[in-house]
């Protein structure tokens, strides 16, 4: 199952003086594969000719963010669960 979606990403941009809430809304692709949800979109960054492909992969316990292209980055966030 693959769908075109609008993806909203919110965050805080902080400096020593203040903080500002930012929101970006972009067209993206969503699909489910092997019990993992994926959201994929391209980002054009100021000062770079090459676009960066952003991949959000998540399941019930982990969110993995991967950037490929002008910027390379991988981050994995896992939830803490008490047993």
PDB file of N, CA and C in Angstrom:
ATOM      1  N   UNK A   1       0.847  -1.174   0.000  1.00  0.00           N
ATOM      2  CA  UNK A   1       0.000   0.000   0.000  1.00  0.00           C
ATOM      3  C   UNK A   1       0.896   1.242   0.000  1.00  0.00           C
ATOM      4  N   UNK A   2       0.782   2.037  -1.018  1.00  0.00           N
ATOM      5  CA  UNK A   2       1.559   3.269  -1.113  1.00  0.00           C
ATOM      6  C   UNK A   2       0.599   4.424  -1.360  1.00  0.00           C
ATOM      7  N   UNK A   3       0.804   5.526  -0.614  1.00  0.00           N
ATOM      8  CA  UNK A   3      -0.078   6.681  -0.734  1.00  0.00           C
ATOM      9  C   UNK A   3       0.743   7.955  -0.796  1.00  0.00           C
ATOM     10  N   UNK A   4       0.226   8.933  -1.529  1.00  0.00           N
ATOM     11  CA  UNK A   4       0.790  10.278  -1.477  1.00  0.00           C
ATOM     12  C   UNK A   4       0.075  11.013  -0.352  1.00  0.00           C
ATOM     13  N   UNK A   5       0.860  11.661   0.523  1.00  0.00           N
ATOM     14  CA  UNK A   5       0.297  12.323   1.694  1.00  0.00           C
ATOM     15  C   UNK A   5       0.886  13.721   1.850  1.00  0.00           C
ATOM     16  N   UNK A   6       0.294  14.522   2.729  1.00  0.00           N
ATOM     17  CA  UNK A   6       0.903  15.758   3.204  1.00  0.00           C
ATOM     18  C   UNK A   6       1.476  15.457   4.576  1.00  0.00           C
ATOM     19  N   UNK A   7       2.766  15.696   4.759  1.00  0.00           N
ATOM     20  CA  UNK A   7       3.486  15.374   5.990  1.00  0.00           C
ATOM     21  C   UNK A   7       3.809  16.666   6.716  1.00  0.00           C
ATOM     22  N   UNK A   8       3.409  16.761   7.976  1.00  0.00           N
ATOM     23  CA  UNK A   8       3.657  17.947   8.797  1.00  0.00           C
ATOM     24  C   UNK A   8       4.717  17.602   9.835  1.00  0.00           C
ATOM     25  N   UNK A   9       5.743  18.413   9.915  1.00  0.00           N
ATOM     26  CA  UNK A   9       6.843  18.198  10.844  1.00  0.00           C
ATOM     27  C   UNK A   9       7.001  19.453  11.685  1.00  0.00           C
ATOM     28  N   UNK A  10       6.865  19.314  13.008  1.00  0.00           N
ATOM     29  CA  UNK A  10       6.978  20.456  13.926  1.00  0.00           C
ATOM     30  C   UNK A  10       8.205  20.290  14.795  1.00  0.00           C
ATOM     31  N   UNK A  11       8.800  21.419  15.160  1.00  0.00           N
ATOM     32  CA  UNK A  11       9.966  21.383  16.035  1.00  0.00           C
ATOM     33  C   UNK A  11      10.234  22.744  16.642  1.00  0.00           C
ATOM     34  N   UNK A  12      11.249  22.799  17.475  1.00  0.00           N
ATOM     35  CA  UNK A  12      11.671  24.043  18.098  1.00  0.00           C
ATOM     36  C   UNK A  12      13.056  24.410  17.602  1.00  0.00           C
ATOM     37  N   UNK A  13      13.230  25.663  17.223  1.00  0.00           N
ATOM     38  CA  UNK A  13      14.538  26.188  16.880  1.00  0.00           C
ATOM     39  C   UNK A  13      14.940  27.081  18.048  1.00  0.00           C
ATOM     40  N   UNK A  14      16.035  26.710  18.713  1.00  0.00           N
ATOM     41  CA  UNK A  14      16.435  27.420  19.919  1.00  0.00           C
ATOM     42  C   UNK A  14      17.763  28.136  19.730  1.00  0.00           C
ATOM     43  N   UNK A  15      17.831  29.304  20.341  1.00  0.00           N
ATOM     44  CA  UNK A  15      19.094  30.032  20.444  1.00  0.00           C
ATOM     45  C   UNK A  15      19.271  30.393  21.910  1.00  0.00           C
ATOM     46  N   UNK A  16      20.344  31.062  22.234  1.00  0.00           N
ATOM     47  CA  UNK A  16      20.564  31.447  23.634  1.00  0.00           C
ATOM     48  C   UNK A  16      19.541  32.473  24.097  1.00  0.00           C
ATOM     49  N   UNK A  17      19.011  33.258  23.185  1.00  0.00           N
ATOM     50  CA  UNK A  17      18.066  34.316  23.549  1.00  0.00           C
ATOM     51  C   UNK A  17      16.615  33.840  23.613  1.00  0.00           C
ATOM     52  N   UNK A  18      16.201  32.990  22.666  1.00  0.00           N
ATOM     53  CA  UNK A  18      14.799  32.589  22.619  1.00  0.00           C
ATOM     54  C   UNK A  18      14.631  31.264  21.894  1.00  0.00           C
ATOM     55  N   UNK A  19      13.395  30.859  21.742  1.00  0.00           N
ATOM     56  CA  UNK A  19      13.072  29.672  20.963  1.00  0.00           C
ATOM     57  C   UNK A  19      11.851  29.964  20.098  1.00  0.00           C
ATOM     58  N   UNK A  20      11.814  29.312  18.955  1.00  0.00           N
ATOM     59  CA  UNK A  20      10.737  29.546  17.994  1.00  0.00           C
ATOM     60  C   UNK A  20      10.204  28.199  17.514  1.00  0.00           C
ATOM     61  N   UNK A  21       8.878  28.055  17.511  1.00  0.00           N
ATOM     62  CA  UNK A  21       8.277  26.842  16.994  1.00  0.00           C
ATOM     63  C   UNK A  21       8.167  26.943  15.485  1.00  0.00           C
ATOM     64  N   UNK A  22       8.617  25.893  14.786  1.00  0.00           N
ATOM     65  CA  UNK A  22       8.575  25.854  13.323  1.00  0.00           C
ATOM     66  C   UNK A  22       7.723  24.678  12.875  1.00  0.00           C
ATOM     67  N   UNK A  23       7.042  24.855  11.757  1.00  0.00           N
ATOM     68  CA  UNK A  23       6.284  23.761  11.158  1.00  0.00           C
ATOM     69  C   UNK A  23       6.524  23.777   9.659  1.00  0.00           C
ATOM     70  N   UNK A  24       6.806  22.595   9.126  1.00  0.00           N
ATOM     71  CA  UNK A  24       6.992  22.428   7.692  1.00  0.00           C
ATOM     72  C   UNK A  24       5.984  21.398   7.204  1.00  0.00           C
ATOM     73  N   UNK A  25       5.316  21.708   6.105  1.00  0.00           N
ATOM     74  CA  UNK A  25       4.361  20.776   5.508  1.00  0.00           C
ATOM     75  C   UNK A  25       4.823  20.499   4.079  1.00  0.00           C
ATOM     76  N   UNK A  26       4.957  19.214   3.765  1.00  0.00           N
ATOM     77  CA  UNK A  26       5.448  18.863   2.433  1.00  0.00           C
ATOM     78  C   UNK A  26       4.740  17.629   1.900  1.00  0.00           C
ATOM     79  N   UNK A  27       4.775  17.467   0.588  1.00  0.00           N
ATOM     80  CA  UNK A  27       4.251  16.256  -0.047  1.00  0.00           C
ATOM     81  C   UNK A  27       5.233  15.127   0.219  1.00  0.00           C
ATOM     82  N   UNK A  28       4.685  13.952   0.527  1.00  0.00           N
ATOM     83  CA  UNK A  28       5.531  12.797   0.843  1.00  0.00           C
ATOM     84  C   UNK A  28       4.821  11.529   0.374  1.00  0.00           C
ATOM     85  N   UNK A  29       5.555  10.431   0.436  1.00  0.00           N
ATOM     86  CA  UNK A  29       4.992   9.119   0.139  1.00  0.00           C
ATOM     87  C   UNK A  29       4.952   8.314   1.429  1.00  0.00           C
ATOM     88  N   UNK A  30       3.854   7.610   1.653  1.00  0.00           N
ATOM     89  CA  UNK A  30       3.710   6.730   2.813  1.00  0.00           C
ATOM     90  C   UNK A  30       3.527   5.312   2.306  1.00  0.00           C
ATOM     91  N   UNK A  31       4.190   4.354   2.966  1.00  0.00           N
ATOM     92  CA  UNK A  31       3.925   2.956   2.669  1.00  0.00           C
ATOM     93  C   UNK A  31       4.241   2.082   3.872  1.00  0.00           C
ATOM     94  N   UNK A  32       3.649   0.901   3.889  1.00  0.00           N
ATOM     95  CA  UNK A  32       3.831  -0.092   4.944  1.00  0.00           C
ATOM     96  C   UNK A  32       4.525  -1.292   4.324  1.00  0.00           C
ATOM     97  N   UNK A  33       5.651  -1.694   4.933  1.00  0.00           N
ATOM     98  CA  UNK A  33       6.416  -2.826   4.408  1.00  0.00           C
ATOM     99  C   UNK A  33       7.038  -3.582   5.592  1.00  0.00           C
ATOM    100  N   UNK A  34       6.814  -4.870   5.656  1.00  0.00           N
ATOM    101  CA  UNK A  34       7.372  -5.725   6.714  1.00  0.00           C
ATOM    102  C   UNK A  34       7.100  -5.177   8.113  1.00  0.00           C
ATOM    103  N   UNK A  35       5.856  -4.777   8.381  1.00  0.00           N
ATOM    104  CA  UNK A  35       5.422  -4.251   9.679  1.00  0.00           C
ATOM    105  C   UNK A  35       6.106  -2.945  10.071  1.00  0.00           C
ATOM    106  N   UNK A  36       6.701  -2.246   9.138  1.00  0.00           N
ATOM    107  CA  UNK A  36       7.292  -0.927   9.384  1.00  0.00           C
ATOM    108  C   UNK A  36       6.578   0.097   8.505  1.00  0.00           C
ATOM    109  N   UNK A  37       6.311   1.251   9.078  1.00  0.00           N
ATOM    110  CA  UNK A  37       5.708   2.359   8.346  1.00  0.00           C
ATOM    111  C   UNK A  37       6.832   3.261   7.839  1.00  0.00           C
ATOM    112  N   UNK A  38       6.699   3.738   6.605  1.00  0.00           N
ATOM    113  CA  UNK A  38       7.707   4.610   6.006  1.00  0.00           C
ATOM    114  C   UNK A  38       7.045   5.896   5.519  1.00  0.00           C
ATOM    115  N   UNK A  39       7.723   7.014   5.740  1.00  0.00           N
ATOM    116  CA  UNK A  39       7.366   8.287   5.125  1.00  0.00           C
ATOM    117  C   UNK A  39       8.631   8.791   4.440  1.00  0.00           C
ATOM    118  N   UNK A  40       8.535   9.077   3.132  1.00  0.00           N
ATOM    119  CA  UNK A  40       9.706   9.453   2.332  1.00  0.00           C
ATOM    120  C   UNK A  40       9.401  10.753   1.587  1.00  0.00           C
ATOM    121  N   UNK A  41      10.335  11.699   1.666  1.00  0.00           N
ATOM    122  CA  UNK A  41      10.175  12.947   0.911  1.00  0.00           C
ATOM    123  C   UNK A  41      11.544  13.530   0.586  1.00  0.00           C
ATOM    124  N   UNK A  42      11.604  14.350  -0.462  1.00  0.00           N
ATOM    125  CA  UNK A  42      12.836  15.031  -0.856  1.00  0.00           C
ATOM    126  C   UNK A  42      12.821  16.451  -0.308  1.00  0.00           C
ATOM    127  N   UNK A  43      13.993  16.906   0.108  1.00  0.00           N
ATOM    128  CA  UNK A  43      14.142  18.242   0.680  1.00  0.00           C
ATOM    129  C   UNK A  43      15.248  18.972  -0.086  1.00  0.00           C
ATOM    130  N   UNK A  44      14.951  20.169  -0.546  1.00  0.00           N
ATOM    131  CA  UNK A  44      15.951  20.998  -1.213  1.00  0.00           C
ATOM    132  C   UNK A  44      16.428  22.017  -0.184  1.00  0.00           C
ATOM    133  N   UNK A  45      17.720  21.976   0.104  1.00  0.00           N
ATOM    134  CA  UNK A  45      18.285  22.860   1.119  1.00  0.00           C
ATOM    135  C   UNK A  45      18.980  24.037   0.463  1.00  0.00           C
ATOM    136  N   UNK A  46      18.839  25.181   1.085  1.00  0.00           N
ATOM    137  CA  UNK A  46      19.439  26.404   0.571  1.00  0.00           C
ATOM    138  C   UNK A  46      20.961  26.244   0.490  1.00  0.00           C
ATOM    139  N   UNK A  47      21.525  26.605  -0.654  1.00  0.00           N
ATOM    140  CA  UNK A  47      22.966  26.519  -0.839  1.00  0.00           C
ATOM    141  C   UNK A  47      23.447  25.197  -1.410  1.00  0.00           C
ATOM    142  N   UNK A  48      22.548  24.237  -1.620  1.00  0.00           N
ATOM    143  CA  UNK A  48      22.912  22.936  -2.173  1.00  0.00           C
ATOM    144  C   UNK A  48      22.128  22.707  -3.457  1.00  0.00           C
ATOM    145  N   UNK A  49      22.787  22.158  -4.467  1.00  0.00           N
ATOM    146  CA  UNK A  49      22.100  21.830  -5.715  1.00  0.00           C
ATOM    147  C   UNK A  49      21.390  20.486  -5.618  1.00  0.00           C
ATOM    148  N   UNK A  50      21.970  19.565  -4.858  1.00  0.00           N
ATOM    149  CA  UNK A  50      21.442  18.210  -4.744  1.00  0.00           C
ATOM    150  C   UNK A  50      20.352  18.155  -3.661  1.00  0.00           C
ATOM    151  N   UNK A  51      19.271  17.469  -3.958  1.00  0.00           N
ATOM    152  CA  UNK A  51      18.203  17.287  -2.974  1.00  0.00           C
ATOM    153  C   UNK A  51      18.606  16.213  -1.961  1.00  0.00           C
ATOM    154  N   UNK A  52      18.044  16.290  -0.776  1.00  0.00           N
ATOM    155  CA  UNK A  52      18.268  15.300   0.272  1.00  0.00           C
ATOM    156  C   UNK A  52      17.005  14.462   0.418  1.00  0.00           C
ATOM    157  N   UNK A  53      17.155  13.133   0.355  1.00  0.00           N
ATOM    158  CA  UNK A  53      16.022  12.224   0.547  1.00  0.00           C
ATOM    159  C   UNK A  53      15.912  11.941   2.039  1.00  0.00           C
ATOM    160  N   UNK A  54      14.727  12.201   2.603  1.00  0.00           N
ATOM    161  CA  UNK A  54      14.460  11.963   4.012  1.00  0.00           C
ATOM    162  C   UNK A  54      13.565  10.742   4.147  1.00  0.00           C
ATOM    163  N   UNK A  55      13.951   9.824   5.033  1.00  0.00           N
ATOM    164  CA  UNK A  55      13.190   8.599   5.244  1.00  0.00           C
ATOM    165  C   UNK A  55      12.900   8.469   6.739  1.00  0.00           C
ATOM    166  N   UNK A  56      11.616   8.434   7.089  1.00  0.00           N
ATOM    167  CA  UNK A  56      11.180   8.167   8.446  1.00  0.00           C
ATOM    168  C   UNK A  56      10.652   6.739   8.460  1.00  0.00           C
ATOM    169  N   UNK A  57      11.265   5.878   9.262  1.00  0.00           N
ATOM    170  CA  UNK A  57      10.857   4.472   9.366  1.00  0.00           C
ATOM    171  C   UNK A  57      10.457   4.236  10.821  1.00  0.00           C
ATOM    172  N   UNK A  58       9.241   3.725  11.044  1.00  0.00           N
ATOM    173  CA  UNK A  58       8.835   3.524  12.424  1.00  0.00           C
ATOM    174  C   UNK A  58       7.942   2.301  12.583  1.00  0.00           C
ATOM    175  N   UNK A  59       8.017   1.758  13.800  1.00  0.00           N
ATOM    176  CA  UNK A  59       7.125   0.681  14.224  1.00  0.00           C
ATOM    177  C   UNK A  59       6.655   1.058  15.630  1.00  0.00           C
ATOM    178  N   UNK A  60       6.221   0.132  16.415  1.00  0.00           N
ATOM    179  CA  UNK A  60       5.685   0.445  17.733  1.00  0.00           C
ATOM    180  C   UNK A  60       6.704   0.901  18.756  1.00  0.00           C
ATOM    181  N   UNK A  61       8.001   0.678  18.507  1.00  0.00           N
ATOM    182  CA  UNK A  61       8.992   0.983  19.537  1.00  0.00           C
ATOM    183  C   UNK A  61      10.170   1.829  19.061  1.00  0.00           C
ATOM    184  N   UNK A  62      10.299   2.081  17.770  1.00  0.00           N
ATOM    185  CA  UNK A  62      11.498   2.768  17.275  1.00  0.00           C
ATOM    186  C   UNK A  62      11.147   3.692  16.100  1.00  0.00           C
ATOM    187  N   UNK A  63      11.753   4.873  16.099  1.00  0.00           N
ATOM    188  CA  UNK A  63      11.675   5.798  14.969  1.00  0.00           C
ATOM    189  C   UNK A  63      13.088   5.986  14.448  1.00  0.00           C
ATOM    190  N   UNK A  64      13.302   5.685  13.181  1.00  0.00           N
ATOM    191  CA  UNK A  64      14.610   5.870  12.554  1.00  0.00           C
ATOM    192  C   UNK A  64      14.482   6.952  11.492  1.00  0.00           C
ATOM    193  N   UNK A  65      15.345   7.970  11.572  1.00  0.00           N
ATOM    194  CA  UNK A  65      15.354   9.068  10.601  1.00  0.00           C
ATOM    195  C   UNK A  65      16.659   8.979   9.818  1.00  0.00           C
ATOM    196  N   UNK A  66      16.541   8.899   8.491  1.00  0.00           N
ATOM    197  CA  UNK A  66      17.710   8.807   7.618  1.00  0.00           C
ATOM    198  C   UNK A  66      17.643   9.925   6.594  1.00  0.00           C
ATOM    199  N   UNK A  67      18.774  10.611   6.389  1.00  0.00           N
ATOM    200  CA  UNK A  67      18.902  11.629   5.346  1.00  0.00           C
ATOM    201  C   UNK A  67      20.021  11.177   4.421  1.00  0.00           C
ATOM    202  N   UNK A  68      19.744  11.219   3.109  1.00  0.00           N
ATOM    203  CA  UNK A  68      20.742  10.830   2.098  1.00  0.00           C
ATOM    204  C   UNK A  68      20.771  11.886   1.010  1.00  0.00           C
ATOM    205  N   UNK A  69      21.959  12.261   0.601  1.00  0.00           N
ATOM    206  CA  UNK A  69      22.103  13.260  -0.462  1.00  0.00           C
ATOM    207  C   UNK A  69      23.111  14.301  -0.049  1.00  0.00           C
ATOM    208  N   UNK A  70      22.732  15.581  -0.152  1.00  0.00           N
ATOM    209  CA  UNK A  70      23.631  16.673   0.220  1.00  0.00           C
ATOM    210  C   UNK A  70      24.014  16.579   1.692  1.00  0.00           C
ATOM    211  N   UNK A  71      23.103  16.063   2.501  1.00  0.00           N
ATOM    212  CA  UNK A  71      23.341  15.848   3.932  1.00  0.00           C
ATOM    213  C   UNK A  71      23.171  14.360   4.202  1.00  0.00           C
ATOM    214  N   UNK A  72      24.070  13.795   5.018  1.00  0.00           N
ATOM    215  CA  UNK A  72      23.963  12.389   5.401  1.00  0.00           C
ATOM    216  C   UNK A  72      23.791  12.324   6.914  1.00  0.00           C
ATOM    217  N   UNK A  73      22.742  11.593   7.364  1.00  0.00           N
ATOM    218  CA  UNK A  73      22.412  11.582   8.784  1.00  0.00           C
ATOM    219  C   UNK A  73      21.542  10.370   9.077  1.00  0.00           C
ATOM    220  N   UNK A  74      21.813   9.689  10.196  1.00  0.00           N
ATOM    221  CA  UNK A  74      20.965   8.596  10.662  1.00  0.00           C
ATOM    222  C   UNK A  74      20.775   8.766  12.165  1.00  0.00           C
ATOM    223  N   UNK A  75      19.522   8.681  12.607  1.00  0.00           N
ATOM    224  CA  UNK A  75      19.197   8.799  14.021  1.00  0.00           C
ATOM    225  C   UNK A  75      18.125   7.766  14.347  1.00  0.00           C
ATOM    226  N   UNK A  76      18.296   7.051  15.445  1.00  0.00           N
ATOM    227  CA  UNK A  76      17.309   6.060  15.857  1.00  0.00           C
ATOM    228  C   UNK A  76      16.845   6.399  17.268  1.00  0.00           C
ATOM    229  N   UNK A  77      15.545   6.592  17.439  1.00  0.00           N
ATOM    230  CA  UNK A  77      14.952   6.901  18.736  1.00  0.00           C
ATOM    231  C   UNK A  77      14.102   5.714  19.161  1.00  0.00           C
ATOM    232  N   UNK A  78      14.383   5.187  20.344  1.00  0.00           N
ATOM    233  CA  UNK A  78      13.633   4.042  20.850  1.00  0.00           C
ATOM    234  C   UNK A  78      12.874   4.442  22.101  1.00  0.00           C
ATOM    235  N   UNK A  79      11.689   3.873  22.254  1.00  0.00           N
ATOM    236  CA  UNK A  79      10.909   4.161  23.451  1.00  0.00           C
ATOM    237  C   UNK A  79      11.412   3.301  24.601  1.00  0.00           C
ATOM    238  N   UNK A  80      11.276   3.847  25.800  1.00  0.00           N
ATOM    239  CA  UNK A  80      11.639   3.093  27.000  1.00  0.00           C
ATOM    240  C   UNK A  80      10.372   2.462  27.548  1.00  0.00           C
ATOM    241  N   UNK A  81      10.432   1.192  27.773  1.00  0.00           N
ATOM    242  CA  UNK A  81       9.278   0.486  28.324  1.00  0.00           C
ATOM    243  C   UNK A  81       9.705  -0.252  29.575  1.00  0.00           C
ATOM    244  N   UNK A  82       8.917  -0.109  30.616  1.00  0.00           N
ATOM    245  CA  UNK A  82       9.175  -0.835  31.850  1.00  0.00           C
ATOM    246  C   UNK A  82       8.518  -2.201  31.761  1.00  0.00           C
ATOM    247  N   UNK A  83       9.229  -3.189  32.187  1.00  0.00           N
ATOM    248  CA  UNK A  83       8.688  -4.554  32.167  1.00  0.00           C
ATOM    249  C   UNK A  83       8.315  -4.962  33.569  1.00  0.00           C
TER     250      UNK A  83
END
